[in-house]
């Protein structure tokens, strides 16, 4: 299994910011993690509020930890709140189960990392993340709406 490079992470972040600018989003923060859950790059647009880095990392980390998008985690939180609550306790509160966290896959569909985006509405964060992943010619499990 390959690993996400710094250059790929930076391309993803640039693409995410471009998507945010074209959609006139609130200032975004983007975290890209490797497939082991370690931070490769974190960038904040000017004006991004102080909790955004923690939220972005937690969205990405939760996706990696449970092997699905943070949108799926949000759906699980609605249908199985006790389970997601218990998992978040095990994760020491390091998961944020709302859209904006996505697995990053290579052309063979191997998970090579994750992205977390925070700053605007969660659906918009996710849409920007998908476009960022696409800019690096990589893949996620979600499709932009």
Foldseek 3Di string as FASTA:
>chain_A
DDADDLVLVVLLVVQLVVLCVVVVFFKKWKWKFWLVLHTSDIDTDPPADDCRVLQWSQQQSVCSVVVAHLQVVLVCCVVPVVVSVVVCVVVVNSHDSAAFKWFKAAPVRDGGIMMGMDGGHRLSNNLSSQSSSVSSVIHTPDDRD
